[in-house]
PDB file of all heavy atoms in Angstrom:
ATOM      1  N   VAL A   1      54.460 149.803   8.793  1.00  0.00           N
ATOM      2  CA  VAL A   1      54.362 148.485   9.510  1.00  0.00           C
ATOM      3  C   VAL A   1      53.037 148.208   9.975  1.00  0.00           C
ATOM      4  O   VAL A   1      52.305 149.104  10.683  1.00  0.00           O
ATOM      5  CB  VAL A   1      55.371 148.484  10.701  1.00  0.00           C
ATOM      6  CG1 VAL A   1      55.175 147.247  11.497  1.00  0.00           C
ATOM      7  CG2 VAL A   1      56.777 148.638  10.284  1.00  0.00           C
ATOM      8  N   GLN A   2      52.506 146.980   9.702  1.00  0.00           N
ATOM      9  CA  GLN A   2      51.218 146.572  10.140  1.00  0.00           C
ATOM     10  C   GLN A   2      51.365 145.237  10.862  1.00  0.00           C
ATOM     11  O   GLN A   2      51.414 144.177  10.314  1.00  0.00           O
ATOM     12  CB  GLN A   2      50.291 146.254   8.901  1.00  0.00           C
ATOM     13  CG  GLN A   2      49.946 147.511   8.111  1.00  0.00           C
ATOM     14  CD  GLN A   2      49.026 148.470   8.835  1.00  0.00           C
ATOM     15  OE1 GLN A   2      48.137 148.002   9.572  1.00  0.00           O
ATOM     16  NE2 GLN A   2      49.399 149.747   8.762  1.00  0.00           N
ATOM     17  N   PRO A   3      51.472 145.293  12.193  1.00  0.00           N
ATOM     18  CA  PRO A   3      51.544 144.106  12.965  1.00  0.00           C
ATOM     19  C   PRO A   3      50.240 143.272  12.886  1.00  0.00           C
ATOM     20  O   PRO A   3      49.187 143.902  12.652  1.00  0.00           O
ATOM     21  CB  PRO A   3      51.734 144.535  14.432  1.00  0.00           C
ATOM     22  CG  PRO A   3      52.174 145.953  14.291  1.00  0.00           C
ATOM     23  CD  PRO A   3      51.513 146.525  13.039  1.00  0.00           C
ATOM     24  N   HIS A   4      50.271 141.924  13.113  1.00  0.00           N
ATOM     25  CA  HIS A   4      49.124 141.187  13.111  1.00  0.00           C
ATOM     26  C   HIS A   4      48.269 141.565  14.317  1.00  0.00           C
ATOM     27  O   HIS A   4      48.792 141.959  15.282  1.00  0.00           O
ATOM     28  CB  HIS A   4      49.518 139.672  13.190  1.00  0.00           C
ATOM     29  CG  HIS A   4      48.432 138.673  13.110  1.00  0.00           C
ATOM     30  ND1 HIS A   4      47.623 138.378  14.175  1.00  0.00           N
ATOM     31  CD2 HIS A   4      47.933 138.003  12.042  1.00  0.00           C
ATOM     32  CE1 HIS A   4      46.697 137.497  13.824  1.00  0.00           C
ATOM     33  NE2 HIS A   4      46.925 137.201  12.464  1.00  0.00           N
ATOM     34  N   SER A   5      46.949 141.511  14.162  1.00  0.00           N
ATOM     35  CA  SER A   5      46.056 141.983  15.174  1.00  0.00           C
ATOM     36  C   SER A   5      46.119 141.178  16.487  1.00  0.00           C
ATOM     37  O   SER A   5      45.916 141.742  17.520  1.00  0.00           O
ATOM     38  CB  SER A   5      44.609 142.020  14.698  1.00  0.00           C
ATOM     39  OG  SER A   5      44.233 140.707  14.316  1.00  0.00           O
ATOM     40  N   ARG A   6      46.463 139.861  16.507  1.00  0.00           N
ATOM     41  CA  ARG A   6      46.559 139.076  17.686  1.00  0.00           C
ATOM     42  C   ARG A   6      47.996 138.627  18.000  1.00  0.00           C
ATOM     43  O   ARG A   6      48.326 138.450  19.212  1.00  0.00           O
ATOM     44  CB  ARG A   6      45.734 137.754  17.526  1.00  0.00           C
ATOM     45  CG  ARG A   6      44.276 138.012  17.523  1.00  0.00           C
ATOM     46  CD  ARG A   6      43.520 136.733  17.500  1.00  0.00           C
ATOM     47  NE  ARG A   6      43.721 135.905  16.277  1.00  0.00           N
ATOM     48  CZ  ARG A   6      43.024 135.925  15.251  1.00  0.00           C
ATOM     49  NH1 ARG A   6      41.956 136.669  15.173  1.00  0.00           N
ATOM     50  NH2 ARG A   6      43.327 135.158  14.284  1.00  0.00           N
ATOM     51  N   SER A   7      48.830 138.568  17.104  1.00  0.00           N
ATOM     52  CA  SER A   7      50.271 138.137  17.250  1.00  0.00           C
ATOM     53  C   SER A   7      51.178 139.304  16.963  1.00  0.00           C
ATOM     54  O   SER A   7      51.611 139.334  15.752  1.00  0.00           O
ATOM     55  CB  SER A   7      50.585 136.893  16.586  1.00  0.00           C
ATOM     56  OG  SER A   7      49.751 135.892  17.018  1.00  0.00           O
ATOM     57  N   LYS A   8      51.497 140.224  17.816  1.00  0.00           N
ATOM     58  CA  LYS A   8      52.207 141.433  17.443  1.00  0.00           C
ATOM     59  C   LYS A   8      53.647 141.202  16.969  1.00  0.00           C
ATOM     60  O   LYS A   8      54.193 142.103  16.375  1.00  0.00           O
ATOM     61  CB  LYS A   8      52.206 142.418  18.636  1.00  0.00           C
ATOM     62  CG  LYS A   8      50.833 142.775  19.173  1.00  0.00           C
ATOM     63  CD  LYS A   8      50.022 143.614  18.178  1.00  0.00           C
ATOM     64  CE  LYS A   8      48.727 143.986  18.739  1.00  0.00           C
ATOM     65  NZ  LYS A   8      47.763 144.293  17.819  1.00  0.00           N
ATOM     66  N   HIS A   9      54.164 140.110  17.242  1.00  0.00           N
ATOM     67  CA  HIS A   9      55.541 139.842  16.845  1.00  0.00           C
ATOM     68  C   HIS A   9      55.690 139.418  15.359  1.00  0.00           C
ATOM     69  O   HIS A   9      56.759 139.259  14.799  1.00  0.00           O
ATOM     70  CB  HIS A   9      56.196 138.716  17.708  1.00  0.00           C
ATOM     71  CG  HIS A   9      55.746 137.348  17.382  1.00  0.00           C
ATOM     72  ND1 HIS A   9      54.438 136.902  17.707  1.00  0.00           N
ATOM     73  CD2 HIS A   9      56.309 136.298  16.826  1.00  0.00           C
ATOM     74  CE1 HIS A   9      54.253 135.705  17.344  1.00  0.00           C
ATOM     75  NE2 HIS A   9      55.366 135.239  16.786  1.00  0.00           N
ATOM     76  N   ILE A  10      54.498 139.290  14.672  1.00  0.00           N
ATOM     77  CA  ILE A  10      54.529 139.028  13.257  1.00  0.00           C
ATOM     78  C   ILE A  10      53.627 140.215  12.483  1.00  0.00           C
ATOM     79  O   ILE A  10      52.909 140.848  13.120  1.00  0.00           O
ATOM     80  CB  ILE A  10      54.019 137.664  12.839  1.00  0.00           C
ATOM     81  CG1 ILE A  10      52.536 137.525  13.279  1.00  0.00           C
ATOM     82  CG2 ILE A  10      54.822 136.535  13.455  1.00  0.00           C
ATOM     83  CD1 ILE A  10      51.874 136.245  12.887  1.00  0.00           C
ATOM     84  N   GLY A  11      53.935 140.322  11.219  1.00  0.00           N
ATOM     85  CA  GLY A  11      53.183 141.270  10.494  1.00  0.00           C
ATOM     86  C   GLY A  11      53.702 141.552   9.094  1.00  0.00           C
ATOM     87  O   GLY A  11      54.436 140.776   8.546  1.00  0.00           O
ATOM     88  N   THR A  12      53.392 142.721   8.595  1.00  0.00           N
ATOM     89  CA  THR A  12      53.723 143.136   7.242  1.00  0.00           C
ATOM     90  C   THR A  12      54.482 144.479   7.232  1.00  0.00           C
ATOM     91  O   THR A  12      54.047 145.364   7.965  1.00  0.00           O
ATOM     92  CB  THR A  12      52.483 143.245   6.350  1.00  0.00           C
ATOM     93  OG1 THR A  12      51.757 142.005   6.373  1.00  0.00           O
ATOM     94  CG2 THR A  12      52.749 143.667   4.966  1.00  0.00           C
ATOM     95  N   ILE A  13      55.470 144.549   6.372  1.00  0.00           N
ATOM     96  CA  ILE A  13      56.164 145.818   6.072  1.00  0.00           C
ATOM     97  C   ILE A  13      55.835 146.151   4.693  1.00  0.00           C
ATOM     98  O   ILE A  13      56.061 145.404   3.836  1.00  0.00           O
ATOM     99  CB  ILE A  13      57.691 145.612   6.250  1.00  0.00           C
ATOM    100  CG1 ILE A  13      58.062 145.248   7.740  1.00  0.00           C
ATOM    101  CG2 ILE A  13      58.383 146.972   5.874  1.00  0.00           C
ATOM    102  CD1 ILE A  13      59.503 144.932   7.927  1.00  0.00           C
ATOM    103  N   SER A  14      55.284 147.404   4.436  1.00  0.00           N
ATOM    104  CA  SER A  14      54.953 147.807   3.192  1.00  0.00           C
ATOM    105  C   SER A  14      55.448 149.304   2.971  1.00  0.00           C
ATOM    106  O   SER A  14      54.810 150.223   3.331  1.00  0.00           O
ATOM    107  CB  SER A  14      53.443 147.788   2.873  1.00  0.00           C
ATOM    108  OG  SER A  14      52.770 148.440   3.787  1.00  0.00           O
ATOM    109  N   PRO A  15      56.674 149.424   2.431  1.00  0.00           N
ATOM    110  CA  PRO A  15      57.226 150.754   2.336  1.00  0.00           C
ATOM    111  C   PRO A  15      56.582 151.747   1.343  1.00  0.00           C
ATOM    112  O   PRO A  15      56.971 152.930   1.329  1.00  0.00           O
ATOM    113  CB  PRO A  15      58.727 150.478   1.989  1.00  0.00           C
ATOM    114  CG  PRO A  15      58.760 149.110   1.427  1.00  0.00           C
ATOM    115  CD  PRO A  15      57.653 148.350   2.008  1.00  0.00           C
ATOM    116  N   ASN A  16      55.649 151.191   0.535  1.00  0.00           N
ATOM    117  CA  ASN A  16      55.042 152.049  -0.389  1.00  0.00           C
ATOM    118  C   ASN A  16      55.987 152.877  -1.273  1.00  0.00           C
ATOM    119  O   ASN A  16      56.835 152.346  -1.849  1.00  0.00           O
ATOM    120  CB  ASN A  16      53.962 152.924   0.252  1.00  0.00           C
ATOM    121  CG  ASN A  16      52.915 152.043   0.902  1.00  0.00           C
ATOM    122  OD1 ASN A  16      52.441 151.104   0.363  1.00  0.00           O
ATOM    123  ND2 ASN A  16      52.469 152.338   2.152  1.00  0.00           N
ATOM    124  N   ILE A  17      55.913 154.256  -1.102  1.00  0.00           N
ATOM    125  CA  ILE A  17      56.788 155.082  -1.970  1.00  0.00           C
ATOM    126  C   ILE A  17      57.992 155.588  -1.181  1.00  0.00           C
ATOM    127  O   ILE A  17      58.781 156.411  -1.607  1.00  0.00           O
ATOM    128  CB  ILE A  17      56.098 156.330  -2.574  1.00  0.00           C
ATOM    129  CG1 ILE A  17      55.382 157.189  -1.444  1.00  0.00           C
ATOM    130  CG2 ILE A  17      55.046 155.839  -3.531  1.00  0.00           C
ATOM    131  CD1 ILE A  17      54.930 158.539  -2.018  1.00  0.00           C
ATOM    132  N   TYR A  18      58.189 155.129   0.071  1.00  0.00           N
ATOM    133  CA  TYR A  18      59.266 155.498   0.900  1.00  0.00           C
ATOM    134  C   TYR A  18      60.609 154.981   0.322  1.00  0.00           C
ATOM    135  O   TYR A  18      60.669 153.742  -0.166  1.00  0.00           O
ATOM    136  CB  TYR A  18      59.165 154.977   2.371  1.00  0.00           C
ATOM    137  CG  TYR A  18      60.274 155.405   3.216  1.00  0.00           C
ATOM    138  CD1 TYR A  18      60.225 156.538   4.012  1.00  0.00           C
ATOM    139  CD2 TYR A  18      61.422 154.588   3.349  1.00  0.00           C
ATOM    140  CE1 TYR A  18      61.239 156.943   4.829  1.00  0.00           C
ATOM    141  CE2 TYR A  18      62.564 155.050   4.141  1.00  0.00           C
ATOM    142  CZ  TYR A  18      62.418 156.262   4.806  1.00  0.00           C
ATOM    143  OH  TYR A  18      63.464 156.653   5.645  1.00  0.00           O
ATOM    144  N   VAL A  19      61.643 155.771   0.206  1.00  0.00           N
ATOM    145  CA  VAL A  19      62.968 155.390  -0.277  1.00  0.00           C
ATOM    146  C   VAL A  19      63.986 155.928   0.690  1.00  0.00           C
ATOM    147  O   VAL A  19      63.913 157.129   1.099  1.00  0.00           O
ATOM    148  CB  VAL A  19      63.182 155.906  -1.642  1.00  0.00           C
ATOM    149  CG1 VAL A  19      64.621 155.687  -2.091  1.00  0.00           C
ATOM    150  CG2 VAL A  19      62.232 155.319  -2.646  1.00  0.00           C
ATOM    151  N   GLY A  20      65.042 155.164   1.033  1.00  0.00           N
ATOM    152  CA  GLY A  20      66.105 155.534   1.962  1.00  0.00           C
ATOM    153  C   GLY A  20      66.133 154.654   3.102  1.00  0.00           C
ATOM    154  O   GLY A  20      65.621 153.560   3.142  1.00  0.00           O
ATOM    155  N   THR A  21      66.855 155.104   4.167  1.00  0.00           N
ATOM    156  CA  THR A  21      67.061 154.253   5.348  1.00  0.00           C
ATOM    157  C   THR A  21      65.793 154.353   6.237  1.00  0.00           C
ATOM    158  O   THR A  21      65.339 155.429   6.590  1.00  0.00           O
ATOM    159  CB  THR A  21      68.340 154.685   6.159  1.00  0.00           C
ATOM    160  OG1 THR A  21      69.439 154.669   5.271  1.00  0.00           O
ATOM    161  CG2 THR A  21      68.468 153.760   7.357  1.00  0.00           C
ATOM    162  N   LEU A  22      65.166 153.226   6.450  1.00  0.00           N
ATOM    163  CA  LEU A  22      64.030 153.076   7.238  1.00  0.00           C
ATOM    164  C   LEU A  22      64.382 152.626   8.666  1.00  0.00           C
ATOM    165  O   LEU A  22      65.073 151.675   8.915  1.00  0.00           O
ATOM    166  CB  LEU A  22      63.157 151.974   6.665  1.00  0.00           C
ATOM    167  CG  LEU A  22      61.831 151.676   7.298  1.00  0.00           C
ATOM    168  CD1 LEU A  22      60.997 152.954   7.325  1.00  0.00           C
ATOM    169  CD2 LEU A  22      61.072 150.656   6.439  1.00  0.00           C
ATOM    170  N   SER A  23      64.094 153.486   9.669  1.00  0.00           N
ATOM    171  CA  SER A  23      64.392 153.277  11.057  1.00  0.00           C
ATOM    172  C   SER A  23      63.060 152.806  11.757  1.00  0.00           C
ATOM    173  O   SER A  23      62.137 153.546  11.897  1.00  0.00           O
ATOM    174  CB  SER A  23      64.822 154.617  11.752  1.00  0.00           C
ATOM    175  OG  SER A  23      65.985 155.136  11.114  1.00  0.00           O
ATOM    176  N   LEU A  24      63.205 151.543  12.250  1.00  0.00           N
ATOM    177  CA  LEU A  24      61.896 150.956  12.817  1.00  0.00           C
ATOM    178  C   LEU A  24      62.274 150.665  14.355  1.00  0.00           C
ATOM    179  O   LEU A  24      63.046 149.924  14.645  1.00  0.00           O
ATOM    180  CB  LEU A  24      61.616 149.624  12.173  1.00  0.00           C
ATOM    181  CG  LEU A  24      61.268 149.638  10.667  1.00  0.00           C
ATOM    182  CD1 LEU A  24      61.109 148.294  10.056  1.00  0.00           C
ATOM    183  CD2 LEU A  24      60.035 150.526  10.474  1.00  0.00           C
ATOM    184  N   PRO A  25      61.543 151.416  15.185  1.00  0.00           N
ATOM    185  CA  PRO A  25      61.650 151.225  16.665  1.00  0.00           C
ATOM    186  C   PRO A  25      61.266 149.802  17.011  1.00  0.00           C
ATOM    187  O   PRO A  25      60.184 149.387  16.567  1.00  0.00           O
ATOM    188  CB  PRO A  25      60.821 152.212  17.284  1.00  0.00           C
ATOM    189  CG  PRO A  25      60.546 153.230  16.244  1.00  0.00           C
ATOM    190  CD  PRO A  25      60.671 152.558  14.905  1.00  0.00           C
ATOM    191  N   VAL A  26      62.085 149.150  17.829  1.00  0.00           N
ATOM    192  CA  VAL A  26      61.696 147.768  18.301  1.00  0.00           C
ATOM    193  C   VAL A  26      61.287 147.823  19.757  1.00  0.00           C
ATOM    194  O   VAL A  26      61.916 148.572  20.510  1.00  0.00           O
ATOM    195  CB  VAL A  26      63.022 146.881  18.287  1.00  0.00           C
ATOM    196  CG1 VAL A  26      62.689 145.475  18.806  1.00  0.00           C
ATOM    197  CG2 VAL A  26      63.444 146.735  16.810  1.00  0.00           C
ATOM    198  N   PHE A  27      60.212 147.170  20.081  1.00  0.00           N
ATOM    199  CA  PHE A  27      59.667 147.224  21.403  1.00  0.00           C
ATOM    200  C   PHE A  27      59.687 145.911  22.059  1.00  0.00           C
ATOM    201  O   PHE A  27      59.512 144.891  21.474  1.00  0.00           O
ATOM    202  CB  PHE A  27      58.169 147.714  21.401  1.00  0.00           C
ATOM    203  CG  PHE A  27      58.017 149.071  20.945  1.00  0.00           C
ATOM    204  CD1 PHE A  27      58.055 149.492  19.526  1.00  0.00           C
ATOM    205  CD2 PHE A  27      57.836 150.137  21.895  1.00  0.00           C
ATOM    206  CE1 PHE A  27      57.894 150.820  19.166  1.00  0.00           C
ATOM    207  CE2 PHE A  27      57.719 151.465  21.522  1.00  0.00           C
ATOM    208  CZ  PHE A  27      57.740 151.782  20.174  1.00  0.00           C
ATOM    209  N   HIS A  28      59.969 145.866  23.384  1.00  0.00           N
ATOM    210  CA  HIS A  28      59.940 144.722  24.254  1.00  0.00           C
ATOM    211  C   HIS A  28      58.980 144.991  25.315  1.00  0.00           C
ATOM    212  O   HIS A  28      59.169 145.846  26.100  1.00  0.00           O
ATOM    213  CB  HIS A  28      61.392 144.419  24.779  1.00  0.00           C
ATOM    214  CG  HIS A  28      61.380 143.206  25.692  1.00  0.00           C
ATOM    215  ND1 HIS A  28      61.443 143.346  27.061  1.00  0.00           N
ATOM    216  CD2 HIS A  28      61.312 141.918  25.434  1.00  0.00           C
ATOM    217  CE1 HIS A  28      61.397 142.139  27.618  1.00  0.00           C
ATOM    218  NE2 HIS A  28      61.383 141.271  26.722  1.00  0.00           N
ATOM    219  N   ASN A  29      57.884 144.154  25.343  1.00  0.00           N
ATOM    220  CA  ASN A  29      56.880 144.344  26.296  1.00  0.00           C
ATOM    221  C   ASN A  29      56.439 145.797  26.439  1.00  0.00           C
ATOM    222  O   ASN A  29      56.376 146.339  27.545  1.00  0.00           O
ATOM    223  CB  ASN A  29      57.292 143.775  27.723  1.00  0.00           C
ATOM    224  CG  ASN A  29      57.499 142.250  27.643  1.00  0.00           C
ATOM    225  OD1 ASN A  29      56.827 141.527  26.874  1.00  0.00           O
ATOM    226  ND2 ASN A  29      58.482 141.827  28.436  1.00  0.00           N
ATOM    227  N   GLU A  30      56.122 146.399  25.358  1.00  0.00           N
ATOM    228  CA  GLU A  30      55.642 147.833  25.187  1.00  0.00           C
ATOM    229  C   GLU A  30      56.646 148.930  25.494  1.00  0.00           C
ATOM    230  O   GLU A  30      56.399 150.048  25.517  1.00  0.00           O
ATOM    231  CB  GLU A  30      54.404 148.005  26.193  1.00  0.00           C
ATOM    232  CG  GLU A  30      53.272 147.072  25.901  1.00  0.00           C
ATOM    233  CD  GLU A  30      52.675 147.266  24.498  1.00  0.00           C
ATOM    234  OE1 GLU A  30      52.571 148.426  23.999  1.00  0.00           O
ATOM    235  OE2 GLU A  30      52.331 146.232  23.869  1.00  0.00           O
ATOM    236  N   LYS A  31      57.934 148.457  25.733  1.00  0.00           N
ATOM    237  CA  LYS A  31      59.040 149.608  25.939  1.00  0.00           C
ATOM    238  C   LYS A  31      59.982 149.497  24.784  1.00  0.00           C
ATOM    239  O   LYS A  31      60.496 148.456  24.419  1.00  0.00           O
ATOM    240  CB  LYS A  31      59.762 149.205  27.263  1.00  0.00           C
ATOM    241  CG  LYS A  31      60.799 150.175  27.539  1.00  0.00           C
ATOM    242  CD  LYS A  31      61.562 149.837  28.857  1.00  0.00           C
ATOM    243  CE  LYS A  31      62.704 150.812  29.017  1.00  0.00           C
ATOM    244  NZ  LYS A  31      63.632 150.399  29.994  1.00  0.00           N
ATOM    245  N   GLU A  32      60.216 150.709  24.228  1.00  0.00           N
ATOM    246  CA  GLU A  32      61.115 150.781  23.125  1.00  0.00           C
ATOM    247  C   GLU A  32      62.586 150.498  23.622  1.00  0.00           C
ATOM    248  O   GLU A  32      63.061 151.011  24.588  1.00  0.00           O
ATOM    249  CB  GLU A  32      61.102 152.259  22.460  1.00  0.00           C
ATOM    250  CG  GLU A  32      62.000 152.335  21.287  1.00  0.00           C
ATOM    251  CD  GLU A  32      61.948 153.618  20.538  1.00  0.00           C
ATOM    252  OE1 GLU A  32      60.927 154.404  20.654  1.00  0.00           O
ATOM    253  OE2 GLU A  32      62.960 153.973  19.855  1.00  0.00           O
ATOM    254  N   ILE A  33      63.258 149.581  22.885  1.00  0.00           N
ATOM    255  CA  ILE A  33      64.603 149.179  23.326  1.00  0.00           C
ATOM    256  C   ILE A  33      65.608 149.522  22.310  1.00  0.00           C
ATOM    257  O   ILE A  33      66.844 149.347  22.566  1.00  0.00           O
ATOM    258  CB  ILE A  33      64.660 147.656  23.590  1.00  0.00           C
ATOM    259  CG1 ILE A  33      64.379 146.917  22.369  1.00  0.00           C
ATOM    260  CG2 ILE A  33      63.756 147.252  24.795  1.00  0.00           C
ATOM    261  CD1 ILE A  33      64.849 145.411  22.424  1.00  0.00           C
ATOM    262  N   GLY A  34      65.218 149.989  21.113  1.00  0.00           N
ATOM    263  CA  GLY A  34      66.269 150.350  20.063  1.00  0.00           C
ATOM    264  C   GLY A  34      65.589 150.429  18.691  1.00  0.00           C
ATOM    265  O   GLY A  34      64.366 150.402  18.566  1.00  0.00           O
ATOM    266  N   ILE A  35      66.456 150.397  17.695  1.00  0.00           N
ATOM    267  CA  ILE A  35      65.990 150.608  16.368  1.00  0.00           C
ATOM    268  C   ILE A  35      66.616 149.520  15.498  1.00  0.00           C
ATOM    269  O   ILE A  35      67.713 149.146  15.610  1.00  0.00           O
ATOM    270  CB  ILE A  35      66.632 151.992  15.798  1.00  0.00           C
ATOM    271  CG1 ILE A  35      66.135 153.177  16.668  1.00  0.00           C
ATOM    272  CG2 ILE A  35      66.196 152.187  14.324  1.00  0.00           C
ATOM    273  CD1 ILE A  35      64.650 153.473  16.580  1.00  0.00           C
ATOM    274  N   ALA A  36      65.804 149.000  14.571  1.00  0.00           N
ATOM    275  CA  ALA A  36      66.175 148.151  13.457  1.00  0.00           C
ATOM    276  C   ALA A  36      66.231 148.974  12.186  1.00  0.00           C
ATOM    277  O   ALA A  36      65.330 149.748  11.983  1.00  0.00           O
ATOM    278  CB  ALA A  36      65.246 147.012  13.319  1.00  0.00           C
ATOM    279  N   TYR A  37      67.246 148.797  11.330  1.00  0.00           N
ATOM    280  CA  TYR A  37      67.492 149.612  10.154  1.00  0.00           C
ATOM    281  C   TYR A  37      67.305 148.724   8.902  1.00  0.00           C
ATOM    282  O   TYR A  37      67.938 147.673   8.823  1.00  0.00           O
ATOM    283  CB  TYR A  37      68.753 150.282  10.148  1.00  0.00           C
ATOM    284  CG  TYR A  37      68.969 151.229  11.263  1.00  0.00           C
ATOM    285  CD1 TYR A  37      69.642 150.872  12.423  1.00  0.00           C
ATOM    286  CD2 TYR A  37      68.516 152.534  11.205  1.00  0.00           C
ATOM    287  CE1 TYR A  37      69.767 151.759  13.484  1.00  0.00           C
ATOM    288  CE2 TYR A  37      68.662 153.466  12.307  1.00  0.00           C
ATOM    289  CZ  TYR A  37      69.244 153.052  13.419  1.00  0.00           C
ATOM    290  OH  TYR A  37      69.437 153.861  14.476  1.00  0.00           O
ATOM    291  N   LEU A  38      66.534 149.257   8.014  1.00  0.00           N
ATOM    292  CA  LEU A  38      66.302 148.624   6.663  1.00  0.00           C
ATOM    293  C   LEU A  38      66.552 149.734   5.631  1.00  0.00           C
ATOM    294  O   LEU A  38      66.246 150.875   5.889  1.00  0.00           O
ATOM    295  CB  LEU A  38      65.010 147.962   6.504  1.00  0.00           C
ATOM    296  CG  LEU A  38      64.594 146.849   7.490  1.00  0.00           C
ATOM    297  CD1 LEU A  38      63.154 146.517   7.318  1.00  0.00           C
ATOM    298  CD2 LEU A  38      65.496 145.673   7.236  1.00  0.00           C
ATOM    299  N   GLU A  39      67.021 149.350   4.443  1.00  0.00           N
ATOM    300  CA  GLU A  39      67.240 150.268   3.364  1.00  0.00           C
ATOM    301  C   GLU A  39      66.054 150.057   2.378  1.00  0.00           C
ATOM    302  O   GLU A  39      65.812 148.835   2.038  1.00  0.00           O
ATOM    303  CB  GLU A  39      68.570 150.136   2.629  1.00  0.00           C
ATOM    304  CG  GLU A  39      68.929 151.314   1.855  1.00  0.00           C
ATOM    305  CD  GLU A  39      69.301 152.543   2.653  1.00  0.00           C
ATOM    306  OE1 GLU A  39      69.708 152.434   3.861  1.00  0.00           O
ATOM    307  OE2 GLU A  39      69.222 153.667   2.137  1.00  0.00           O
ATOM    308  N   VAL A  40      65.462 151.031   1.883  1.00  0.00           N
ATOM    309  CA  VAL A  40      64.413 150.864   0.824  1.00  0.00           C
ATOM    310  C   VAL A  40      64.919 151.458  -0.457  1.00  0.00           C
ATOM    311  O   VAL A  40      65.150 152.655  -0.518  1.00  0.00           O
ATOM    312  CB  VAL A  40      63.118 151.480   1.278  1.00  0.00           C
ATOM    313  CG1 VAL A  40      62.031 151.284   0.240  1.00  0.00           C
ATOM    314  CG2 VAL A  40      62.617 151.003   2.636  1.00  0.00           C
ATOM    315  N   GLN A  41      65.048 150.622  -1.471  1.00  0.00           N
ATOM    316  CA  GLN A  41      65.573 151.045  -2.793  1.00  0.00           C
ATOM    317  C   GLN A  41      64.397 151.575  -3.647  1.00  0.00           C
ATOM    318  O   GLN A  41      63.306 151.034  -3.477  1.00  0.00           O
ATOM    319  CB  GLN A  41      66.225 149.879  -3.541  1.00  0.00           C
ATOM    320  CG  GLN A  41      67.467 149.310  -2.793  1.00  0.00           C
ATOM    321  CD  GLN A  41      67.969 148.154  -3.625  1.00  0.00           C
ATOM    322  OE1 GLN A  41      67.523 147.854  -4.789  1.00  0.00           O
ATOM    323  NE2 GLN A  41      68.975 147.455  -3.060  1.00  0.00           N
ATOM    324  N   SER A  42      64.729 152.566  -4.461  1.00  0.00           N
ATOM    325  CA  SER A  42      63.819 153.019  -5.458  1.00  0.00           C
ATOM    326  C   SER A  42      63.614 152.054  -6.657  1.00  0.00           C
ATOM    327  O   SER A  42      64.543 151.376  -7.033  1.00  0.00           O
ATOM    328  CB  SER A  42      64.314 154.316  -6.001  1.00  0.00           C
ATOM    329  OG  SER A  42      63.483 154.776  -7.154  1.00  0.00           O
ATOM    330  N   VAL A  43      62.347 151.970  -7.127  1.00  0.00           N
ATOM    331  CA  VAL A  43      62.172 151.104  -8.308  1.00  0.00           C
ATOM    332  C   VAL A  43      62.418 151.787  -9.612  1.00  0.00           C
ATOM    333  O   VAL A  43      62.719 151.233 -10.637  1.00  0.00           O
ATOM    334  CB  VAL A  43      60.801 150.491  -8.333  1.00  0.00           C
ATOM    335  CG1 VAL A  43      60.557 149.514  -7.215  1.00  0.00           C
ATOM    336  CG2 VAL A  43      59.729 151.484  -8.370  1.00  0.00           C
TER     337      VAL A  43
END
C-alpha cells in the first residue's frame, strides 16, 4: 500500500507477487480500528 503523500485516505494498492488473502489494517486518526480483507489471485 502506498498512500498519497498529502491525502492519506487515497492511494495505490500494488500486490506485486503476493497471492492469497491480504489483510490491510484500517486506521482512524492514527489508531488501528480493524482489518479490511482482499484476495489476491495468481496470474
